Amino acid sequence: MQLSIFIFTLATTILLIAAYPSSNEVGTRCPCQGSEDCNENLVCAYEEDRDECGRKICLMGPDQQCGRKKGKCSKGLFCSNCGFCSGCSFITRKCATLQCIYKDDLPVY
């Protein structure tokens, strides 16, 4: 019984060590660490957030591009299917004016 507990504990420890990224891997994925600027002087028109590396990022406002590599929308806005922030900003109270046009919405001639 004690042997099986020991083996289980050893196996769990090995898995945790193998799954935890080394400092080199984190440094490669998050090059801005330590004394570097890390976007701390960035001035955002809407809101600011932090990415997975802890760097300051600006959130997007109405009619600004959004999505995976473009950025996240600020409070009150959502990223529409066509890749622009839609809705009304809670920060500036401005609303998006762009509307997505889908081929299903176009008239058939």
PDB file of N, CA and C in Angstrom:
ATOM      1  N   MET A   1       0.818  -1.184   0.000  1.00  0.00           N
ATOM      2  CA  MET A   1       0.000   0.000   0.000  1.00  0.00           C
ATOM      3  C   MET A   1       0.873   1.263   0.000  1.00  0.00           C
ATOM      4  N   GLN A   2       1.894   1.291   0.885  1.00  0.00           N
ATOM      5  CA  GLN A   2       2.772   2.452   0.948  1.00  0.00           C
ATOM      6  C   GLN A   2       3.581   2.606  -0.332  1.00  0.00           C
ATOM      7  N   LEU A   3       3.928   1.490  -0.961  1.00  0.00           N
ATOM      8  CA  LEU A   3       4.669   1.541  -2.216  1.00  0.00           C
ATOM      9  C   LEU A   3       3.824   2.180  -3.312  1.00  0.00           C
ATOM     10  N   SER A   4       2.541   1.844  -3.382  1.00  0.00           N
ATOM     11  CA  SER A   4       1.672   2.429  -4.410  1.00  0.00           C
ATOM     12  C   SER A   4       1.469   3.925  -4.181  1.00  0.00           C
ATOM     13  N   ILE A   5       1.389   4.358  -2.932  1.00  0.00           N
ATOM     14  CA  ILE A   5       1.276   5.786  -2.633  1.00  0.00           C
ATOM     15  C   ILE A   5       2.548   6.504  -3.048  1.00  0.00           C
ATOM     16  N   PHE A   6       3.710   5.889  -2.761  1.00  0.00           N
ATOM     17  CA  PHE A   6       4.990   6.473  -3.144  1.00  0.00           C
ATOM     18  C   PHE A   6       5.090   6.608  -4.665  1.00  0.00           C
ATOM     19  N   ILE A   7       4.720   5.569  -5.387  1.00  0.00           N
ATOM     20  CA  ILE A   7       4.787   5.592  -6.856  1.00  0.00           C
ATOM     21  C   ILE A   7       3.838   6.650  -7.412  1.00  0.00           C
ATOM     22  N   PHE A   8       2.640   6.735  -6.845  1.00  0.00           N
ATOM     23  CA  PHE A   8       1.675   7.738  -7.292  1.00  0.00           C
ATOM     24  C   PHE A   8       2.220   9.151  -7.053  1.00  0.00           C
ATOM     25  N   THR A   9       2.783   9.400  -5.886  1.00  0.00           N
ATOM     26  CA  THR A   9       3.339  10.712  -5.561  1.00  0.00           C
ATOM     27  C   THR A   9       4.510  11.048  -6.469  1.00  0.00           C
ATOM     28  N   LEU A  10       5.379  10.086  -6.714  1.00  0.00           N
ATOM     29  CA  LEU A  10       6.521  10.291  -7.598  1.00  0.00           C
ATOM     30  C   LEU A  10       6.067  10.607  -9.019  1.00  0.00           C
ATOM     31  N   ALA A  11       5.111   9.841  -9.524  1.00  0.00           N
ATOM     32  CA  ALA A  11       4.608  10.056 -10.882  1.00  0.00           C
ATOM     33  C   ALA A  11       3.943  11.425 -11.008  1.00  0.00           C
ATOM     34  N   THR A  12       3.172  11.828 -10.012  1.00  0.00           N
ATOM     35  CA  THR A  12       2.518  13.136 -10.032  1.00  0.00           C
ATOM     36  C   THR A  12       3.551  14.258 -10.030  1.00  0.00           C
ATOM     37  N   THR A  13       4.585  14.118  -9.215  1.00  0.00           N
ATOM     38  CA  THR A  13       5.644  15.125  -9.150  1.00  0.00           C
ATOM     39  C   THR A  13       6.361  15.247 -10.483  1.00  0.00           C
ATOM     40  N   ILE A  14       6.675  14.140 -11.110  1.00  0.00           N
ATOM     41  CA  ILE A  14       7.353  14.154 -12.411  1.00  0.00           C
ATOM     42  C   ILE A  14       6.475  14.818 -13.460  1.00  0.00           C
ATOM     43  N   LEU A  15       5.184  14.520 -13.468  1.00  0.00           N
ATOM     44  CA  LEU A  15       4.267  15.141 -14.426  1.00  0.00           C
ATOM     45  C   LEU A  15       4.171  16.647 -14.214  1.00  0.00           C
ATOM     46  N   LEU A  16       4.102  17.079 -12.974  1.00  0.00           N
ATOM     47  CA  LEU A  16       4.023  18.511 -12.698  1.00  0.00           C
ATOM     48  C   LEU A  16       5.284  19.241 -13.132  1.00  0.00           C
ATOM     49  N   ILE A  17       6.429  18.643 -12.873  1.00  0.00           N
ATOM     50  CA  ILE A  17       7.691  19.266 -13.282  1.00  0.00           C
ATOM     51  C   ILE A  17       7.787  19.322 -14.802  1.00  0.00           C
ATOM     52  N   ALA A  18       7.366  18.271 -15.486  1.00  0.00           N
ATOM     53  CA  ALA A  18       7.424  18.238 -16.948  1.00  0.00           C
ATOM     54  C   ALA A  18       6.446  19.231 -17.566  1.00  0.00           C
ATOM     55  N   ALA A  19       5.299  19.450 -16.937  1.00  0.00           N
ATOM     56  CA  ALA A  19       4.284  20.348 -17.490  1.00  0.00           C
ATOM     57  C   ALA A  19       4.597  21.811 -17.229  1.00  0.00           C
ATOM     58  N   TYR A  20       5.380  22.122 -16.196  1.00  0.00           N
ATOM     59  CA  TYR A  20       5.683  23.499 -15.850  1.00  0.00           C
ATOM     60  C   TYR A  20       6.742  24.037 -16.802  1.00  0.00           C
ATOM     61  N   PRO A  21       6.482  25.197 -17.459  1.00  0.00           N
ATOM     62  CA  PRO A  21       7.464  25.712 -18.415  1.00  0.00           C
ATOM     63  C   PRO A  21       8.725  26.201 -17.718  1.00  0.00           C
ATOM     64  N   SER A  22       9.839  25.995 -18.377  1.00  0.00           N
ATOM     65  CA  SER A  22      11.096  26.487 -17.822  1.00  0.00           C
ATOM     66  C   SER A  22      11.169  27.998 -17.998  1.00  0.00           C
ATOM     67  N   SER A  23      12.106  28.633 -17.332  1.00  0.00           N
ATOM     68  CA  SER A  23      12.227  30.089 -17.430  1.00  0.00           C
ATOM     69  C   SER A  23      12.556  30.519 -18.855  1.00  0.00           C
ATOM     70  N   ASN A  24      13.293  29.700 -19.611  1.00  0.00           N
ATOM     71  CA  ASN A  24      13.588  30.024 -21.002  1.00  0.00           C
ATOM     72  C   ASN A  24      12.337  30.022 -21.848  1.00  0.00           C
ATOM     73  N   GLU A  25      11.443  29.049 -21.632  1.00  0.00           N
ATOM     74  CA  GLU A  25      10.215  28.985 -22.414  1.00  0.00           C
ATOM     75  C   GLU A  25       9.333  30.181 -22.129  1.00  0.00           C
ATOM     76  N   VAL A  26       9.200  30.577 -20.874  1.00  0.00           N
ATOM     77  CA  VAL A  26       8.397  31.735 -20.522  1.00  0.00           C
ATOM     78  C   VAL A  26       9.023  32.987 -21.118  1.00  0.00           C
ATOM     79  N   GLY A  27      10.327  33.116 -21.045  1.00  0.00           N
ATOM     80  CA  GLY A  27      11.013  34.272 -21.595  1.00  0.00           C
ATOM     81  C   GLY A  27      10.845  34.388 -23.097  1.00  0.00           C
ATOM     82  N   THR A  28      10.787  33.270 -23.811  1.00  0.00           N
ATOM     83  CA  THR A  28      10.589  33.282 -25.248  1.00  0.00           C
ATOM     84  C   THR A  28       9.160  33.696 -25.578  1.00  0.00           C
ATOM     85  N   ARG A  29       8.210  33.155 -24.831  1.00  0.00           N
ATOM     86  CA  ARG A  29       6.806  33.455 -25.070  1.00  0.00           C
ATOM     87  C   ARG A  29       6.483  34.878 -24.626  1.00  0.00           C
ATOM     88  N   CYS A  30       7.083  35.328 -23.553  1.00  0.00           N
ATOM     89  CA  CYS A  30       6.844  36.644 -22.975  1.00  0.00           C
ATOM     90  C   CYS A  30       8.166  37.392 -22.895  1.00  0.00           C
ATOM     91  N   PRO A  31       8.631  37.965 -24.014  1.00  0.00           N
ATOM     92  CA  PRO A  31       9.959  38.571 -24.031  1.00  0.00           C
ATOM     93  C   PRO A  31      10.080  39.802 -23.136  1.00  0.00           C
ATOM     94  N   CYS A  32       8.975  40.414 -22.777  1.00  0.00           N
ATOM     95  CA  CYS A  32       9.016  41.631 -21.972  1.00  0.00           C
ATOM     96  C   CYS A  32       8.889  41.273 -20.496  1.00  0.00           C
ATOM     97  N   GLN A  33      10.014  41.036 -19.863  1.00  0.00           N
ATOM     98  CA  GLN A  33      10.019  40.716 -18.438  1.00  0.00           C
ATOM     99  C   GLN A  33      11.181  41.428 -17.778  1.00  0.00           C
ATOM    100  N   GLY A  34      11.030  41.693 -16.515  1.00  0.00           N
ATOM    101  CA  GLY A  34      12.112  42.332 -15.783  1.00  0.00           C
ATOM    102  C   GLY A  34      12.065  43.832 -15.926  1.00  0.00           C
ATOM    103  N   SER A  35      13.170  44.426 -16.337  1.00  0.00           N
ATOM    104  CA  SER A  35      13.278  45.882 -16.352  1.00  0.00           C
ATOM    105  C   SER A  35      12.779  46.519 -17.650  1.00  0.00           C
ATOM    106  N   GLU A  36      12.343  45.727 -18.605  1.00  0.00           N
ATOM    107  CA  GLU A  36      11.879  46.290 -19.866  1.00  0.00           C
ATOM    108  C   GLU A  36      10.586  47.068 -19.672  1.00  0.00           C
ATOM    109  N   ASP A  37      10.255  47.910 -20.639  1.00  0.00           N
ATOM    110  CA  ASP A  37       9.113  48.819 -20.532  1.00  0.00           C
ATOM    111  C   ASP A  37       7.764  48.110 -20.403  1.00  0.00           C
ATOM    112  N   CYS A  38       7.519  47.074 -21.160  1.00  0.00           N
ATOM    113  CA  CYS A  38       6.288  46.290 -21.106  1.00  0.00           C
ATOM    114  C   CYS A  38       5.029  47.127 -21.350  1.00  0.00           C
ATOM    115  N   ASN A  39       5.110  48.143 -22.171  1.00  0.00           N
ATOM    116  CA  ASN A  39       3.976  48.987 -22.557  1.00  0.00           C
ATOM    117  C   ASN A  39       3.412  49.801 -21.402  1.00  0.00           C
ATOM    118  N   GLU A  40       4.140  50.027 -20.343  1.00  0.00           N
ATOM    119  CA  GLU A  40       3.599  50.750 -19.183  1.00  0.00           C
ATOM    120  C   GLU A  40       3.249  52.196 -19.509  1.00  0.00           C
ATOM    121  N   ASN A  41       3.874  52.797 -20.515  1.00  0.00           N
ATOM    122  CA  ASN A  41       3.596  54.189 -20.885  1.00  0.00           C
ATOM    123  C   ASN A  41       2.493  54.302 -21.929  1.00  0.00           C
ATOM    124  N   LEU A  42       1.877  53.196 -22.289  1.00  0.00           N
ATOM    125  CA  LEU A  42       0.819  53.181 -23.293  1.00  0.00           C
ATOM    126  C   LEU A  42      -0.398  53.941 -22.779  1.00  0.00           C
ATOM    127  N   VAL A  43      -0.933  54.869 -23.575  1.00  0.00           N
ATOM    128  CA  VAL A  43      -2.121  55.640 -23.204  1.00  0.00           C
ATOM    129  C   VAL A  43      -3.295  55.106 -24.011  1.00  0.00           C
ATOM    130  N   CYS A  44      -4.342  54.673 -23.313  1.00  0.00           N
ATOM    131  CA  CYS A  44      -5.489  54.042 -23.967  1.00  0.00           C
ATOM    132  C   CYS A  44      -6.686  54.988 -23.991  1.00  0.00           C
ATOM    133  N   ALA A  45      -7.373  55.048 -25.131  1.00  0.00           N
ATOM    134  CA  ALA A  45      -8.548  55.906 -25.268  1.00  0.00           C
ATOM    135  C   ALA A  45      -9.760  55.326 -24.545  1.00  0.00           C
ATOM    136  N   TYR A  46      -9.816  54.011 -24.444  1.00  0.00           N
ATOM    137  CA  TYR A  46     -10.984  53.385 -23.827  1.00  0.00           C
ATOM    138  C   TYR A  46     -10.603  52.751 -22.499  1.00  0.00           C
ATOM    139  N   GLU A  47     -10.175  51.553 -22.524  1.00  0.00           N
ATOM    140  CA  GLU A  47      -9.768  50.874 -21.298  1.00  0.00           C
ATOM    141  C   GLU A  47      -8.446  50.181 -21.531  1.00  0.00           C
ATOM    142  N   GLU A  48      -7.844  49.764 -20.455  1.00  0.00           N
ATOM    143  CA  GLU A  48      -6.625  48.976 -20.571  1.00  0.00           C
ATOM    144  C   GLU A  48      -6.831  47.637 -19.891  1.00  0.00           C
ATOM    145  N   ASP A  49      -6.022  46.689 -20.317  1.00  0.00           N
ATOM    146  CA  ASP A  49      -6.072  45.342 -19.765  1.00  0.00           C
ATOM    147  C   ASP A  49      -4.637  44.829 -19.769  1.00  0.00           C
ATOM    148  N   ARG A  50      -4.450  43.599 -19.380  1.00  0.00           N
ATOM    149  CA  ARG A  50      -3.133  42.959 -19.417  1.00  0.00           C
ATOM    150  C   ARG A  50      -3.237  41.694 -20.257  1.00  0.00           C
ATOM    151  N   ASP A  51      -2.205  41.422 -21.033  1.00  0.00           N
ATOM    152  CA  ASP A  51      -2.184  40.173 -21.795  1.00  0.00           C
ATOM    153  C   ASP A  51      -1.645  39.046 -20.920  1.00  0.00           C
ATOM    154  N   GLU A  52      -1.476  37.869 -21.504  1.00  0.00           N
ATOM    155  CA  GLU A  52      -1.043  36.703 -20.729  1.00  0.00           C
ATOM    156  C   GLU A  52       0.362  36.846 -20.170  1.00  0.00           C
ATOM    157  N   CYS A  53       1.132  37.807 -20.689  1.00  0.00           N
ATOM    158  CA  CYS A  53       2.484  38.043 -20.190  1.00  0.00           C
ATOM    159  C   CYS A  53       2.536  39.199 -19.197  1.00  0.00           C
ATOM    160  N   GLY A  54       1.400  39.822 -18.931  1.00  0.00           N
ATOM    161  CA  GLY A  54       1.367  40.929 -17.994  1.00  0.00           C
ATOM    162  C   GLY A  54       1.619  42.286 -18.621  1.00  0.00           C
ATOM    163  N   ARG A  55       1.720  42.338 -19.958  1.00  0.00           N
ATOM    164  CA  ARG A  55       1.938  43.616 -20.638  1.00  0.00           C
ATOM    165  C   ARG A  55       0.625  44.385 -20.729  1.00  0.00           C
ATOM    166  N   LYS A  56       0.710  45.679 -20.642  1.00  0.00           N
ATOM    167  CA  LYS A  56      -0.462  46.545 -20.756  1.00  0.00           C
ATOM    168  C   LYS A  56      -0.922  46.574 -22.218  1.00  0.00           C
ATOM    169  N   ILE A  57      -2.217  46.391 -22.451  1.00  0.00           N
ATOM    170  CA  ILE A  57      -2.797  46.475 -23.793  1.00  0.00           C
ATOM    171  C   ILE A  57      -4.029  47.368 -23.733  1.00  0.00           C
ATOM    172  N   CYS A  58      -4.336  48.032 -24.841  1.00  0.00           N
ATOM    173  CA  CYS A  58      -5.524  48.872 -24.929  1.00  0.00           C
ATOM    174  C   CYS A  58      -6.679  48.066 -25.504  1.00  0.00           C
ATOM    175  N   LEU A  59      -7.856  48.276 -24.938  1.00  0.00           N
ATOM    176  CA  LEU A  59      -9.062  47.653 -25.474  1.00  0.00           C
ATOM    177  C   LEU A  59      -9.622  48.554 -26.567  1.00  0.00           C
ATOM    178  N   MET A  60     -10.324  47.953 -27.505  1.00  0.00           N
ATOM    179  CA  MET A  60     -10.817  48.655 -28.682  1.00  0.00           C
ATOM    180  C   MET A  60     -12.137  49.373 -28.402  1.00  0.00           C
ATOM    181  N   GLY A  61     -12.393  50.434 -29.161  1.00  0.00           N
ATOM    182  CA  GLY A  61     -13.627  51.202 -29.044  1.00  0.00           C
ATOM    183  C   GLY A  61     -14.574  50.916 -30.196  1.00  0.00           C
ATOM    184  N   PRO A  62     -15.691  51.649 -30.272  1.00  0.00           N
ATOM    185  CA  PRO A  62     -16.685  51.433 -31.323  1.00  0.00           C
ATOM    186  C   PRO A  62     -16.068  51.533 -32.722  1.00  0.00           C
ATOM    187  N   ASP A  63     -16.446  50.622 -33.588  1.00  0.00           N
ATOM    188  CA  ASP A  63     -16.024  50.566 -34.995  1.00  0.00           C
ATOM    189  C   ASP A  63     -14.534  50.274 -35.179  1.00  0.00           C
ATOM    190  N   GLN A  64     -13.807  49.949 -34.125  1.00  0.00           N
ATOM    191  CA  GLN A  64     -12.405  49.557 -34.277  1.00  0.00           C
ATOM    192  C   GLN A  64     -12.326  48.058 -34.489  1.00  0.00           C
ATOM    193  N   GLN A  65     -11.283  47.635 -35.197  1.00  0.00           N
ATOM    194  CA  GLN A  65     -11.118  46.209 -35.489  1.00  0.00           C
ATOM    195  C   GLN A  65     -10.838  45.433 -34.211  1.00  0.00           C
ATOM    196  N   CYS A  66     -11.385  44.226 -34.171  1.00  0.00           N
ATOM    197  CA  CYS A  66     -11.193  43.355 -33.011  1.00  0.00           C
ATOM    198  C   CYS A  66     -11.038  41.919 -33.490  1.00  0.00           C
ATOM    199  N   GLY A  67     -10.702  41.059 -32.593  1.00  0.00           N
ATOM    200  CA  GLY A  67     -10.535  39.650 -32.928  1.00  0.00           C
ATOM    201  C   GLY A  67      -9.243  39.129 -32.354  1.00  0.00           C
ATOM    202  N   ARG A  68      -8.857  37.953 -32.766  1.00  0.00           N
ATOM    203  CA  ARG A  68      -7.693  37.269 -32.191  1.00  0.00           C
ATOM    204  C   ARG A  68      -6.456  38.144 -32.104  1.00  0.00           C
ATOM    205  N   LYS A  69      -6.007  38.664 -33.223  1.00  0.00           N
ATOM    206  CA  LYS A  69      -4.761  39.436 -33.233  1.00  0.00           C
ATOM    207  C   LYS A  69      -5.009  40.941 -33.240  1.00  0.00           C
ATOM    208  N   LYS A  70      -6.236  41.355 -33.345  1.00  0.00           N
ATOM    209  CA  LYS A  70      -6.563  42.789 -33.411  1.00  0.00           C
ATOM    210  C   LYS A  70      -6.825  43.376 -32.035  1.00  0.00           C
ATOM    211  N   GLY A  71      -7.382  42.606 -31.110  1.00  0.00           N
ATOM    212  CA  GLY A  71      -7.626  43.109 -29.773  1.00  0.00           C
ATOM    213  C   GLY A  71      -9.029  42.820 -29.279  1.00  0.00           C
ATOM    214  N   LYS A  72      -9.246  43.126 -27.987  1.00  0.00           N
ATOM    215  CA  LYS A  72     -10.544  42.911 -27.356  1.00  0.00           C
ATOM    216  C   LYS A  72     -11.295  44.229 -27.309  1.00  0.00           C
ATOM    217  N   CYS A  73     -12.618  44.127 -27.267  1.00  0.00           N
ATOM    218  CA  CYS A  73     -13.463  45.316 -27.186  1.00  0.00           C
ATOM    219  C   CYS A  73     -13.621  45.765 -25.741  1.00  0.00           C
ATOM    220  N   SER A  74     -13.821  47.066 -25.578  1.00  0.00           N
ATOM    221  CA  SER A  74     -14.028  47.675 -24.270  1.00  0.00           C
ATOM    222  C   SER A  74     -15.418  47.339 -23.735  1.00  0.00           C
ATOM    223  N   LYS A  75     -15.701  47.736 -22.478  1.00  0.00           N
ATOM    224  CA  LYS A  75     -16.989  47.449 -21.837  1.00  0.00           C
ATOM    225  C   LYS A  75     -18.144  48.044 -22.638  1.00  0.00           C
ATOM    226  N   GLY A  76     -19.194  47.250 -22.799  1.00  0.00           N
ATOM    227  CA  GLY A  76     -20.371  47.672 -23.536  1.00  0.00           C
ATOM    228  C   GLY A  76     -20.320  47.312 -25.002  1.00  0.00           C
ATOM    229  N   LEU A  77     -19.172  46.849 -25.463  1.00  0.00           N
ATOM    230  CA  LEU A  77     -18.989  46.499 -26.873  1.00  0.00           C
ATOM    231  C   LEU A  77     -18.740  45.005 -27.001  1.00  0.00           C
ATOM    232  N   PHE A  78     -19.010  44.492 -28.183  1.00  0.00           N
ATOM    233  CA  PHE A  78     -18.714  43.091 -28.470  1.00  0.00           C
ATOM    234  C   PHE A  78     -18.097  43.013 -29.848  1.00  0.00           C
ATOM    235  N   CYS A  79     -17.304  41.997 -30.067  1.00  0.00           N
ATOM    236  CA  CYS A  79     -16.660  41.801 -31.368  1.00  0.00           C
ATOM    237  C   CYS A  79     -17.646  41.100 -32.293  1.00  0.00           C
ATOM    238  N   SER A  80     -18.093  41.825 -33.312  1.00  0.00           N
ATOM    239  CA  SER A  80     -19.092  41.272 -34.235  1.00  0.00           C
ATOM    240  C   SER A  80     -18.459  40.226 -35.152  1.00  0.00           C
ATOM    241  N   ASN A  81     -19.298  39.551 -35.892  1.00  0.00           N
ATOM    242  CA  ASN A  81     -18.821  38.504 -36.807  1.00  0.00           C
ATOM    243  C   ASN A  81     -17.912  39.054 -37.904  1.00  0.00           C
ATOM    244  N   CYS A  82     -18.051  40.333 -38.211  1.00  0.00           N
ATOM    245  CA  CYS A  82     -17.217  40.893 -39.276  1.00  0.00           C
ATOM    246  C   CYS A  82     -15.930  41.526 -38.737  1.00  0.00           C
ATOM    247  N   GLY A  83     -15.658  41.396 -37.431  1.00  0.00           N
ATOM    248  CA  GLY A  83     -14.376  41.809 -36.883  1.00  0.00           C
ATOM    249  C   GLY A  83     -14.278  43.260 -36.460  1.00  0.00           C
ATOM    250  N   PHE A  84     -15.402  43.893 -36.092  1.00  0.00           N
ATOM    251  CA  PHE A  84     -15.396  45.255 -35.584  1.00  0.00           C
ATOM    252  C   PHE A  84     -16.175  45.301 -34.282  1.00  0.00           C
ATOM    253  N   CYS A  85     -15.761  46.202 -33.367  1.00  0.00           N
ATOM    254  CA  CYS A  85     -16.474  46.355 -32.101  1.00  0.00           C
ATOM    255  C   CYS A  85     -17.825  47.009 -32.351  1.00  0.00           C
ATOM    256  N   SER A  86     -18.877  46.354 -31.913  1.00  0.00           N
ATOM    257  CA  SER A  86     -20.241  46.848 -32.075  1.00  0.00           C
ATOM    258  C   SER A  86     -20.851  47.098 -30.706  1.00  0.00           C
ATOM    259  N   GLY A  87     -21.904  47.904 -30.687  1.00  0.00           N
ATOM    260  CA  GLY A  87     -22.576  48.235 -29.433  1.00  0.00           C
ATOM    261  C   GLY A  87     -22.235  49.658 -29.035  1.00  0.00           C
ATOM    262  N   CYS A  88     -22.384  49.984 -27.761  1.00  0.00           N
ATOM    263  CA  CYS A  88     -22.106  51.329 -27.246  1.00  0.00           C
ATOM    264  C   CYS A  88     -21.098  51.245 -26.104  1.00  0.00           C
ATOM    265  N   SER A  89     -20.098  52.107 -26.168  1.00  0.00           N
ATOM    266  CA  SER A  89     -19.042  52.124 -25.153  1.00  0.00           C
ATOM    267  C   SER A  89     -19.570  52.675 -23.844  1.00  0.00           C
ATOM    268  N   PHE A  90     -19.308  51.962 -22.747  1.00  0.00           N
ATOM    269  CA  PHE A  90     -19.658  52.457 -21.422  1.00  0.00           C
ATOM    270  C   PHE A  90     -18.724  53.594 -21.007  1.00  0.00           C
ATOM    271  N   ILE A  91     -17.564  53.694 -21.640  1.00  0.00           N
ATOM    272  CA  ILE A  91     -16.561  54.677 -21.279  1.00  0.00           C
ATOM    273  C   ILE A  91     -16.881  56.041 -21.898  1.00  0.00           C
ATOM    274  N   THR A  92     -17.111  56.063 -23.216  1.00  0.00           N
ATOM    275  CA  THR A  92     -17.326  57.327 -23.931  1.00  0.00           C
ATOM    276  C   THR A  92     -18.791  57.566 -24.296  1.00  0.00           C
ATOM    277  N   ARG A  93     -19.616  56.561 -24.132  1.00  0.00           N
ATOM    278  CA  ARG A  93     -21.035  56.601 -24.512  1.00  0.00           C
ATOM    279  C   ARG A  93     -21.236  56.794 -26.017  1.00  0.00           C
ATOM    280  N   LYS A  94     -20.220  56.487 -26.793  1.00  0.00           N
ATOM    281  CA  LYS A  94     -20.332  56.508 -28.254  1.00  0.00           C
ATOM    282  C   LYS A  94     -20.735  55.124 -28.712  1.00  0.00           C
ATOM    283  N   CYS A  95     -21.550  55.090 -29.765  1.00  0.00           N
ATOM    284  CA  CYS A  95     -22.018  53.814 -30.308  1.00  0.00           C
ATOM    285  C   CYS A  95     -21.397  53.557 -31.670  1.00  0.00           C
ATOM    286  N   ALA A  96     -21.245  52.305 -31.982  1.00  0.00           N
ATOM    287  CA  ALA A  96     -20.710  51.898 -33.282  1.00  0.00           C
ATOM    288  C   ALA A  96     -21.713  52.241 -34.370  1.00  0.00           C
ATOM    289  N   THR A  97     -21.194  52.617 -35.531  1.00  0.00           N
ATOM    290  CA  THR A  97     -22.060  52.939 -36.657  1.00  0.00           C
ATOM    291  C   THR A  97     -21.923  51.938 -37.792  1.00  0.00           C
ATOM    292  N   LEU A  98     -20.842  51.182 -37.803  1.00  0.00           N
ATOM    293  CA  LEU A  98     -20.646  50.188 -38.868  1.00  0.00           C
ATOM    294  C   LEU A  98     -21.611  49.027 -38.679  1.00  0.00           C
ATOM    295  N   GLN A  99     -22.136  48.538 -39.772  1.00  0.00           N
ATOM    296  CA  GLN A  99     -22.993  47.366 -39.728  1.00  0.00           C
ATOM    297  C   GLN A  99     -22.436  46.320 -40.673  1.00  0.00           C
ATOM    298  N   CYS A 100     -22.466  45.098 -40.244  1.00  0.00           N
ATOM    299  CA  CYS A 100     -21.998  44.006 -41.094  1.00  0.00           C
ATOM    300  C   CYS A 100     -23.038  43.730 -42.169  1.00  0.00           C
ATOM    301  N   ILE A 101     -22.561  43.511 -43.363  1.00  0.00           N
ATOM    302  CA  ILE A 101     -23.464  43.112 -44.455  1.00  0.00           C
ATOM    303  C   ILE A 101     -23.066  41.707 -44.868  1.00  0.00           C
ATOM    304  N   TYR A 102     -24.008  40.811 -44.787  1.00  0.00           N
ATOM    305  CA  TYR A 102     -23.772  39.423 -45.146  1.00  0.00           C
ATOM    306  C   TYR A 102     -24.425  39.149 -46.481  1.00  0.00           C
ATOM    307  N   LYS A 103     -23.900  38.196 -47.204  1.00  0.00           N
ATOM    308  CA  LYS A 103     -24.453  37.906 -48.525  1.00  0.00           C
ATOM    309  C   LYS A 103     -25.923  37.498 -48.454  1.00  0.00           C
ATOM    310  N   ASP A 104     -26.358  36.942 -47.338  1.00  0.00           N
ATOM    311  CA  ASP A 104     -27.772  36.571 -47.192  1.00  0.00           C
ATOM    312  C   ASP A 104     -28.660  37.809 -47.078  1.00  0.00           C
ATOM    313  N   ASP A 105     -28.080  38.961 -46.686  1.00  0.00           N
ATOM    314  CA  ASP A 105     -28.843  40.197 -46.540  1.00  0.00           C
ATOM    315  C   ASP A 105     -28.980  40.954 -47.858  1.00  0.00           C
ATOM    316  N   LEU A 106     -28.179  40.607 -48.857  1.00  0.00           N
ATOM    317  CA  LEU A 106     -28.213  41.316 -50.127  1.00  0.00           C
ATOM    318  C   LEU A 106     -29.430  40.879 -50.944  1.00  0.00           C
ATOM    319  N   PRO A 107     -30.028  41.831 -51.687  1.00  0.00           N
ATOM    320  CA  PRO A 107     -31.184  41.476 -52.518  1.00  0.00           C
ATOM    321  C   PRO A 107     -30.773  40.566 -53.675  1.00  0.00           C
ATOM    322  N   VAL A 108     -31.665  39.714 -54.064  1.00  0.00           N
ATOM    323  CA  VAL A 108     -31.416  38.794 -55.178  1.00  0.00           C
ATOM    324  C   VAL A 108     -32.091  39.369 -56.410  1.00  0.00           C
ATOM    325  N   TYR A 109     -31.356  39.506 -57.518  1.00  0.00           N
ATOM    326  CA  TYR A 109     -31.905  40.039 -58.767  1.00  0.00           C
ATOM    327  C   TYR A 109     -32.102  38.956 -59.776  1.00  0.00           C
TER     328      TYR A 109
END
